[in-house]
Amino acid sequence: MKQVDTKTVRLKAMDYLARREHSRGISDALIVEQFSEQDVDWFAVAEAVFLKKYADVNLDDPRERAKCMRYLQYKGYDIEHINALL
């Protein structure tokens, strides 16, 4: 049975909820405020997920860098977190 990464699931769930609430007319400021009250360091979580899969990747290679970016985007991380990490 496949092990579930609860941090990734929670991140994807938060992204899904943010998009759903935005589509219902809730302001972005209120959504950001509610999620910022969560005590989670998303930069640290993104780094842990990245290192788990791509610890030995050469980020100077544009193809490898793009592959890592796509992976983190797929996992639901914001481009701000990805750029800070890479």
PDB file of N, CA and C in Angstrom:
ATOM      1  N   MET A   1       0.838  -1.180   0.000  1.00  0.00           N
ATOM      2  CA  MET A   1       0.000   0.000   0.000  1.00  0.00           C
ATOM      3  C   MET A   1       0.884   1.245   0.000  1.00  0.00           C
ATOM      4  N   LYS A   2       0.519   2.228  -0.777  1.00  0.00           N
ATOM      5  CA  LYS A   2       1.286   3.462  -0.906  1.00  0.00           C
ATOM      6  C   LYS A   2       1.124   4.323   0.340  1.00  0.00           C
ATOM      7  N   GLN A   3       2.266   4.829   0.836  1.00  0.00           N
ATOM      8  CA  GLN A   3       2.238   5.699   2.004  1.00  0.00           C
ATOM      9  C   GLN A   3       1.822   7.099   1.574  1.00  0.00           C
ATOM     10  N   VAL A   4       0.951   7.709   2.332  1.00  0.00           N
ATOM     11  CA  VAL A   4       0.424   9.037   2.012  1.00  0.00           C
ATOM     12  C   VAL A   4       1.245  10.084   2.748  1.00  0.00           C
ATOM     13  N   ASP A   5       1.713  11.070   2.004  1.00  0.00           N
ATOM     14  CA  ASP A   5       2.435  12.194   2.583  1.00  0.00           C
ATOM     15  C   ASP A   5       1.395  13.205   3.064  1.00  0.00           C
ATOM     16  N   THR A   6       1.160  13.245   4.360  1.00  0.00           N
ATOM     17  CA  THR A   6       0.084  14.073   4.900  1.00  0.00           C
ATOM     18  C   THR A   6       0.316  15.558   4.678  1.00  0.00           C
ATOM     19  N   LYS A   7       1.572  15.998   4.671  1.00  0.00           N
ATOM     20  CA  LYS A   7       1.851  17.421   4.429  1.00  0.00           C
ATOM     21  C   LYS A   7       1.443  17.814   3.016  1.00  0.00           C
ATOM     22  N   THR A   8       1.744  16.952   2.054  1.00  0.00           N
ATOM     23  CA  THR A   8       1.380  17.243   0.670  1.00  0.00           C
ATOM     24  C   THR A   8      -0.127  17.231   0.502  1.00  0.00           C
ATOM     25  N   VAL A   9      -0.769  16.273   1.115  1.00  0.00           N
ATOM     26  CA  VAL A   9      -2.231  16.194   1.034  1.00  0.00           C
ATOM     27  C   VAL A   9      -2.848  17.448   1.633  1.00  0.00           C
ATOM     28  N   ARG A  10      -2.326  17.894   2.763  1.00  0.00           N
ATOM     29  CA  ARG A  10      -2.856  19.086   3.416  1.00  0.00           C
ATOM     30  C   ARG A  10      -2.625  20.322   2.552  1.00  0.00           C
ATOM     31  N   LEU A  11      -1.447  20.404   1.914  1.00  0.00           N
ATOM     32  CA  LEU A  11      -1.148  21.537   1.050  1.00  0.00           C
ATOM     33  C   LEU A  11      -2.087  21.565  -0.150  1.00  0.00           C
ATOM     34  N   LYS A  12      -2.283  20.423  -0.787  1.00  0.00           N
ATOM     35  CA  LYS A  12      -3.197  20.371  -1.928  1.00  0.00           C
ATOM     36  C   LYS A  12      -4.620  20.702  -1.493  1.00  0.00           C
ATOM     37  N   ALA A  13      -4.998  20.243  -0.323  1.00  0.00           N
ATOM     38  CA  ALA A  13      -6.337  20.538   0.182  1.00  0.00           C
ATOM     39  C   ALA A  13      -6.501  22.037   0.422  1.00  0.00           C
ATOM     40  N   MET A  14      -5.472  22.681   0.973  1.00  0.00           N
ATOM     41  CA  MET A  14      -5.548  24.121   1.216  1.00  0.00           C
ATOM     42  C   MET A  14      -5.621  24.886  -0.096  1.00  0.00           C
ATOM     43  N   ASP A  15      -4.868  24.444  -1.092  1.00  0.00           N
ATOM     44  CA  ASP A  15      -4.922  25.087  -2.405  1.00  0.00           C
ATOM     45  C   ASP A  15      -6.306  24.925  -3.017  1.00  0.00           C
ATOM     46  N   TYR A  16      -6.849  23.728  -2.914  1.00  0.00           N
ATOM     47  CA  TYR A  16      -8.192  23.464  -3.439  1.00  0.00           C
ATOM     48  C   TYR A  16      -9.229  24.331  -2.736  1.00  0.00           C
ATOM     49  N   LEU A  17      -9.132  24.407  -1.411  1.00  0.00           N
ATOM     50  CA  LEU A  17     -10.089  25.208  -0.652  1.00  0.00           C
ATOM     51  C   LEU A  17      -9.981  26.687  -1.000  1.00  0.00           C
ATOM     52  N   ALA A  18      -8.762  27.169  -1.181  1.00  0.00           N
ATOM     53  CA  ALA A  18      -8.572  28.575  -1.530  1.00  0.00           C
ATOM     54  C   ALA A  18      -9.222  28.882  -2.877  1.00  0.00           C
ATOM     55  N   ARG A  19      -9.016  28.002  -3.862  1.00  0.00           N
ATOM     56  CA  ARG A  19      -9.626  28.222  -5.172  1.00  0.00           C
ATOM     57  C   ARG A  19     -11.147  28.134  -5.095  1.00  0.00           C
ATOM     58  N   ARG A  20     -11.650  27.186  -4.309  1.00  0.00           N
ATOM     59  CA  ARG A  20     -13.101  27.028  -4.188  1.00  0.00           C
ATOM     60  C   ARG A  20     -13.724  28.245  -3.524  1.00  0.00           C
ATOM     61  N   GLU A  21     -13.135  28.717  -2.441  1.00  0.00           N
ATOM     62  CA  GLU A  21     -13.675  29.873  -1.727  1.00  0.00           C
ATOM     63  C   GLU A  21     -13.586  31.130  -2.588  1.00  0.00           C
ATOM     64  N   HIS A  22     -12.507  31.255  -3.369  1.00  0.00           N
ATOM     65  CA  HIS A  22     -12.384  32.401  -4.261  1.00  0.00           C
ATOM     66  C   HIS A  22     -13.503  32.382  -5.311  1.00  0.00           C
ATOM     67  N   SER A  23     -13.821  31.199  -5.817  1.00  0.00           N
ATOM     68  CA  SER A  23     -14.882  31.096  -6.824  1.00  0.00           C
ATOM     69  C   SER A  23     -16.256  31.401  -6.233  1.00  0.00           C
ATOM     70  N   ARG A  24     -16.386  31.290  -4.929  1.00  0.00           N
ATOM     71  CA  ARG A  24     -17.653  31.594  -4.251  1.00  0.00           C
ATOM     72  C   ARG A  24     -17.762  33.064  -3.869  1.00  0.00           C
ATOM     73  N   GLY A  25     -16.744  33.832  -4.199  1.00  0.00           N
ATOM     74  CA  GLY A  25     -16.814  35.261  -3.975  1.00  0.00           C
ATOM     75  C   GLY A  25     -16.142  35.742  -2.702  1.00  0.00           C
ATOM     76  N   ILE A  26     -15.444  34.884  -2.017  1.00  0.00           N
ATOM     77  CA  ILE A  26     -14.731  35.302  -0.805  1.00  0.00           C
ATOM     78  C   ILE A  26     -13.438  35.991  -1.238  1.00  0.00           C
ATOM     79  N   SER A  27     -13.141  37.099  -0.610  1.00  0.00           N
ATOM     80  CA  SER A  27     -11.997  37.912  -1.028  1.00  0.00           C
ATOM     81  C   SER A  27     -10.680  37.175  -0.784  1.00  0.00           C
ATOM     82  N   ASP A  28      -9.710  37.486  -1.629  1.00  0.00           N
ATOM     83  CA  ASP A  28      -8.381  36.897  -1.488  1.00  0.00           C
ATOM     84  C   ASP A  28      -7.756  37.265  -0.149  1.00  0.00           C
ATOM     85  N   ALA A  29      -7.999  38.485   0.307  1.00  0.00           N
ATOM     86  CA  ALA A  29      -7.422  38.931   1.571  1.00  0.00           C
ATOM     87  C   ALA A  29      -7.914  38.073   2.736  1.00  0.00           C
ATOM     88  N   LEU A  30      -9.190  37.748   2.740  1.00  0.00           N
ATOM     89  CA  LEU A  30      -9.740  36.922   3.809  1.00  0.00           C
ATOM     90  C   LEU A  30      -9.192  35.499   3.738  1.00  0.00           C
ATOM     91  N   ILE A  31      -9.048  34.978   2.536  1.00  0.00           N
ATOM     92  CA  ILE A  31      -8.495  33.631   2.370  1.00  0.00           C
ATOM     93  C   ILE A  31      -7.055  33.587   2.872  1.00  0.00           C
ATOM     94  N   VAL A  32      -6.262  34.567   2.467  1.00  0.00           N
ATOM     95  CA  VAL A  32      -4.860  34.627   2.897  1.00  0.00           C
ATOM     96  C   VAL A  32      -4.783  34.771   4.411  1.00  0.00           C
ATOM     97  N   GLU A  33      -5.640  35.598   4.975  1.00  0.00           N
ATOM     98  CA  GLU A  33      -5.655  35.793   6.432  1.00  0.00           C
ATOM     99  C   GLU A  33      -5.943  34.485   7.161  1.00  0.00           C
ATOM    100  N   GLN A  34      -6.921  33.752   6.694  1.00  0.00           N
ATOM    101  CA  GLN A  34      -7.285  32.493   7.345  1.00  0.00           C
ATOM    102  C   GLN A  34      -6.170  31.461   7.246  1.00  0.00           C
ATOM    103  N   PHE A  35      -5.549  31.352   6.068  1.00  0.00           N
ATOM    104  CA  PHE A  35      -4.474  30.380   5.910  1.00  0.00           C
ATOM    105  C   PHE A  35      -3.204  30.809   6.623  1.00  0.00           C
ATOM    106  N   SER A  36      -2.981  32.106   6.756  1.00  0.00           N
ATOM    107  CA  SER A  36      -1.784  32.568   7.450  1.00  0.00           C
ATOM    108  C   SER A  36      -1.883  32.312   8.952  1.00  0.00           C
ATOM    109  N   GLU A  37      -3.088  32.148   9.461  1.00  0.00           N
ATOM    110  CA  GLU A  37      -3.259  31.817  10.875  1.00  0.00           C
ATOM    111  C   GLU A  37      -2.828  30.385  11.163  1.00  0.00           C
ATOM    112  N   GLN A  38      -2.728  29.567  10.119  1.00  0.00           N
ATOM    113  CA  GLN A  38      -2.230  28.210  10.287  1.00  0.00           C
ATOM    114  C   GLN A  38      -0.738  28.307  10.578  1.00  0.00           C
ATOM    115  N   ASP A  39      -0.266  27.572  11.550  1.00  0.00           N
ATOM    116  CA  ASP A  39       1.139  27.648  11.943  1.00  0.00           C
ATOM    117  C   ASP A  39       1.961  26.624  11.152  1.00  0.00           C
ATOM    118  N   VAL A  40       2.127  26.885   9.854  1.00  0.00           N
ATOM    119  CA  VAL A  40       2.876  25.989   8.979  1.00  0.00           C
ATOM    120  C   VAL A  40       3.911  26.797   8.217  1.00  0.00           C
ATOM    121  N   ASP A  41       5.148  26.357   8.231  1.00  0.00           N
ATOM    122  CA  ASP A  41       6.208  26.995   7.460  1.00  0.00           C
ATOM    123  C   ASP A  41       6.267  26.303   6.096  1.00  0.00           C
ATOM    124  N   TRP A  42       5.574  26.873   5.105  1.00  0.00           N
ATOM    125  CA  TRP A  42       5.457  26.229   3.799  1.00  0.00           C
ATOM    126  C   TRP A  42       6.784  26.188   3.067  1.00  0.00           C
ATOM    127  N   PHE A  43       7.699  27.107   3.359  1.00  0.00           N
ATOM    128  CA  PHE A  43       9.014  27.061   2.738  1.00  0.00           C
ATOM    129  C   PHE A  43       9.772  25.826   3.214  1.00  0.00           C
ATOM    130  N   ALA A  44       9.687  25.534   4.505  1.00  0.00           N
ATOM    131  CA  ALA A  44      10.350  24.356   5.053  1.00  0.00           C
ATOM    132  C   ALA A  44       9.718  23.074   4.530  1.00  0.00           C
ATOM    133  N   VAL A  45       8.405  23.075   4.401  1.00  0.00           N
ATOM    134  CA  VAL A  45       7.706  21.888   3.882  1.00  0.00           C
ATOM    135  C   VAL A  45       8.094  21.662   2.425  1.00  0.00           C
ATOM    136  N   ALA A  46       8.139  22.733   1.639  1.00  0.00           N
ATOM    137  CA  ALA A  46       8.531  22.614   0.226  1.00  0.00           C
ATOM    138  C   ALA A  46       9.961  22.100   0.113  1.00  0.00           C
ATOM    139  N   GLU A  47      10.836  22.584   0.966  1.00  0.00           N
ATOM    140  CA  GLU A  47      12.223  22.130   0.936  1.00  0.00           C
ATOM    141  C   GLU A  47      12.328  20.646   1.277  1.00  0.00           C
ATOM    142  N   ALA A  48      11.572  20.199   2.262  1.00  0.00           N
ATOM    143  CA  ALA A  48      11.603  18.783   2.639  1.00  0.00           C
ATOM    144  C   ALA A  48      11.101  17.898   1.508  1.00  0.00           C
ATOM    145  N   VAL A  49      10.034  18.312   0.845  1.00  0.00           N
ATOM    146  CA  VAL A  49       9.488  17.543  -0.281  1.00  0.00           C
ATOM    147  C   VAL A  49      10.492  17.522  -1.430  1.00  0.00           C
ATOM    148  N   PHE A  50      11.116  18.664  -1.709  1.00  0.00           N
ATOM    149  CA  PHE A  50      12.098  18.751  -2.784  1.00  0.00           C
ATOM    150  C   PHE A  50      13.295  17.851  -2.506  1.00  0.00           C
ATOM    151  N   LEU A  51      13.833  17.942  -1.306  1.00  0.00           N
ATOM    152  CA  LEU A  51      15.022  17.159  -0.969  1.00  0.00           C
ATOM    153  C   LEU A  51      14.749  15.668  -0.941  1.00  0.00           C
ATOM    154  N   LYS A  52      13.537  15.303  -0.602  1.00  0.00           N
ATOM    155  CA  LYS A  52      13.192  13.881  -0.566  1.00  0.00           C
ATOM    156  C   LYS A  52      13.300  13.266  -1.960  1.00  0.00           C
ATOM    157  N   LYS A  53      12.920  14.016  -2.981  1.00  0.00           N
ATOM    158  CA  LYS A  53      12.911  13.479  -4.340  1.00  0.00           C
ATOM    159  C   LYS A  53      14.125  13.904  -5.161  1.00  0.00           C
ATOM    160  N   TYR A  54      14.606  15.118  -4.978  1.00  0.00           N
ATOM    161  CA  TYR A  54      15.643  15.676  -5.843  1.00  0.00           C
ATOM    162  C   TYR A  54      16.880  16.145  -5.083  1.00  0.00           C
ATOM    163  N   ALA A  55      17.321  15.409  -4.103  1.00  0.00           N
ATOM    164  CA  ALA A  55      18.460  15.829  -3.290  1.00  0.00           C
ATOM    165  C   ALA A  55      19.756  15.938  -4.093  1.00  0.00           C
ATOM    166  N   ASP A  56      19.939  15.079  -5.081  1.00  0.00           N
ATOM    167  CA  ASP A  56      21.203  15.058  -5.817  1.00  0.00           C
ATOM    168  C   ASP A  56      21.091  15.584  -7.247  1.00  0.00           C
ATOM    169  N   VAL A  57      20.099  16.423  -7.511  1.00  0.00           N
ATOM    170  CA  VAL A  57      19.877  16.949  -8.859  1.00  0.00           C
ATOM    171  C   VAL A  57      20.724  18.197  -9.080  1.00  0.00           C
ATOM    172  N   ASN A  58      21.286  18.302 -10.291  1.00  0.00           N
ATOM    173  CA  ASN A  58      22.058  19.470 -10.678  1.00  0.00           C
ATOM    174  C   ASN A  58      21.088  20.558 -11.164  1.00  0.00           C
ATOM    175  N   LEU A  59      20.891  21.589 -10.385  1.00  0.00           N
ATOM    176  CA  LEU A  59      19.949  22.650 -10.733  1.00  0.00           C
ATOM    177  C   LEU A  59      20.505  23.632 -11.758  1.00  0.00           C
ATOM    178  N   ASP A  60      21.769  23.471 -12.143  1.00  0.00           N
ATOM    179  CA  ASP A  60      22.328  24.310 -13.198  1.00  0.00           C
ATOM    180  C   ASP A  60      21.823  23.880 -14.573  1.00  0.00           C
ATOM    181  N   ASP A  61      21.368  22.631 -14.687  1.00  0.00           N
ATOM    182  CA  ASP A  61      20.815  22.117 -15.939  1.00  0.00           C
ATOM    183  C   ASP A  61      19.373  22.613 -16.070  1.00  0.00           C
ATOM    184  N   PRO A  62      19.058  23.391 -17.125  1.00  0.00           N
ATOM    185  CA  PRO A  62      17.703  23.956 -17.268  1.00  0.00           C
ATOM    186  C   PRO A  62      16.596  22.898 -17.304  1.00  0.00           C
ATOM    187  N   ARG A  63      16.869  21.754 -17.914  1.00  0.00           N
ATOM    188  CA  ARG A  63      15.852  20.700 -17.974  1.00  0.00           C
ATOM    189  C   ARG A  63      15.551  20.130 -16.598  1.00  0.00           C
ATOM    190  N   GLU A  64      16.596  19.897 -15.827  1.00  0.00           N
ATOM    191  CA  GLU A  64      16.405  19.360 -14.472  1.00  0.00           C
ATOM    192  C   GLU A  64      15.696  20.379 -13.583  1.00  0.00           C
ATOM    193  N   ARG A  65      16.075  21.640 -13.736  1.00  0.00           N
ATOM    194  CA  ARG A  65      15.439  22.704 -12.951  1.00  0.00           C
ATOM    195  C   ARG A  65      13.951  22.797 -13.288  1.00  0.00           C
ATOM    196  N   ALA A  66      13.613  22.741 -14.578  1.00  0.00           N
ATOM    197  CA  ALA A  66      12.213  22.797 -15.001  1.00  0.00           C
ATOM    198  C   ALA A  66      11.447  21.582 -14.481  1.00  0.00           C
ATOM    199  N   LYS A  67      12.091  20.434 -14.492  1.00  0.00           N
ATOM    200  CA  LYS A  67      11.462  19.217 -13.990  1.00  0.00           C
ATOM    201  C   LYS A  67      11.134  19.359 -12.495  1.00  0.00           C
ATOM    202  N   CYS A  68      12.069  19.912 -11.753  1.00  0.00           N
ATOM    203  CA  CYS A  68      11.840  20.130 -10.313  1.00  0.00           C
ATOM    204  C   CYS A  68      10.713  21.135 -10.092  1.00  0.00           C
ATOM    205  N   MET A  69      10.688  22.194 -10.894  1.00  0.00           N
ATOM    206  CA  MET A  69       9.637  23.203 -10.758  1.00  0.00           C
ATOM    207  C   MET A  69       8.266  22.607 -11.046  1.00  0.00           C
ATOM    208  N   ARG A  70       8.183  21.808 -12.102  1.00  0.00           N
ATOM    209  CA  ARG A  70       6.891  21.174 -12.444  1.00  0.00           C
ATOM    210  C   ARG A  70       6.434  20.249 -11.329  1.00  0.00           C
ATOM    211  N   TYR A  71       7.368  19.512 -10.755  1.00  0.00           N
ATOM    212  CA  TYR A  71       7.030  18.593  -9.671  1.00  0.00           C
ATOM    213  C   TYR A  71       6.455  19.360  -8.473  1.00  0.00           C
ATOM    214  N   LEU A  72       7.114  20.435  -8.089  1.00  0.00           N
ATOM    215  CA  LEU A  72       6.635  21.207  -6.940  1.00  0.00           C
ATOM    216  C   LEU A  72       5.308  21.899  -7.239  1.00  0.00           C
ATOM    217  N   GLN A  73       5.117  22.346  -8.483  1.00  0.00           N
ATOM    218  CA  GLN A  73       3.832  22.935  -8.862  1.00  0.00           C
ATOM    219  C   GLN A  73       2.736  21.879  -8.803  1.00  0.00           C
ATOM    220  N   TYR A  74       3.054  20.686  -9.264  1.00  0.00           N
ATOM    221  CA  TYR A  74       2.098  19.576  -9.206  1.00  0.00           C
ATOM    222  C   TYR A  74       1.704  19.267  -7.767  1.00  0.00           C
ATOM    223  N   LYS A  75       2.674  19.391  -6.867  1.00  0.00           N
ATOM    224  CA  LYS A  75       2.409  19.137  -5.453  1.00  0.00           C
ATOM    225  C   LYS A  75       1.608  20.263  -4.803  1.00  0.00           C
ATOM    226  N   GLY A  76       1.417  21.362  -5.520  1.00  0.00           N
ATOM    227  CA  GLY A  76       0.553  22.427  -5.016  1.00  0.00           C
ATOM    228  C   GLY A  76       1.263  23.616  -4.412  1.00  0.00           C
ATOM    229  N   TYR A  77       2.586  23.681  -4.553  1.00  0.00           N
ATOM    230  CA  TYR A  77       3.322  24.797  -3.961  1.00  0.00           C
ATOM    231  C   TYR A  77       3.207  26.037  -4.824  1.00  0.00           C
ATOM    232  N   ASP A  78       3.186  27.169  -4.162  1.00  0.00           N
ATOM    233  CA  ASP A  78       3.101  28.458  -4.823  1.00  0.00           C
ATOM    234  C   ASP A  78       4.440  28.766  -5.483  1.00  0.00           C
ATOM    235  N   ILE A  79       4.411  29.530  -6.555  1.00  0.00           N
ATOM    236  CA  ILE A  79       5.638  29.868  -7.284  1.00  0.00           C
ATOM    237  C   ILE A  79       6.614  30.629  -6.387  1.00  0.00           C
ATOM    238  N   GLU A  80       6.093  31.346  -5.419  1.00  0.00           N
ATOM    239  CA  GLU A  80       6.954  32.057  -4.462  1.00  0.00           C
ATOM    240  C   GLU A  80       7.811  31.074  -3.672  1.00  0.00           C
ATOM    241  N   HIS A  81       7.207  29.970  -3.232  1.00  0.00           N
ATOM    242  CA  HIS A  81       7.952  28.955  -2.483  1.00  0.00           C
ATOM    243  C   HIS A  81       8.971  28.257  -3.387  1.00  0.00           C
ATOM    244  N   ILE A  82       8.572  27.998  -4.617  1.00  0.00           N
ATOM    245  CA  ILE A  82       9.442  27.285  -5.553  1.00  0.00           C
ATOM    246  C   ILE A  82      10.666  28.144  -5.897  1.00  0.00           C
ATOM    247  N   ASN A  83      10.441  29.417  -6.208  1.00  0.00           N
ATOM    248  CA  ASN A  83      11.558  30.299  -6.567  1.00  0.00           C
ATOM    249  C   ASN A  83      12.511  30.489  -5.391  1.00  0.00           C
ATOM    250  N   ALA A  84      11.999  30.561  -4.197  1.00  0.00           N
ATOM    251  CA  ALA A  84      12.869  30.709  -3.030  1.00  0.00           C
ATOM    252  C   ALA A  84      13.718  29.446  -2.813  1.00  0.00           C
ATOM    253  N   LEU A  85      13.157  28.322  -3.157  1.00  0.00           N
ATOM    254  CA  LEU A  85      13.853  27.060  -2.960  1.00  0.00           C
ATOM    255  C   LEU A  85      14.895  26.813  -4.034  1.00  0.00           C
ATOM    256  N   LEU A  86      14.546  27.103  -5.273  1.00  0.00           N
ATOM    257  CA  LEU A  86      15.460  26.812  -6.381  1.00  0.00           C
ATOM    258  C   LEU A  86      16.320  28.013  -6.683  1.00  0.00           C
TER     259      LEU A  86
END
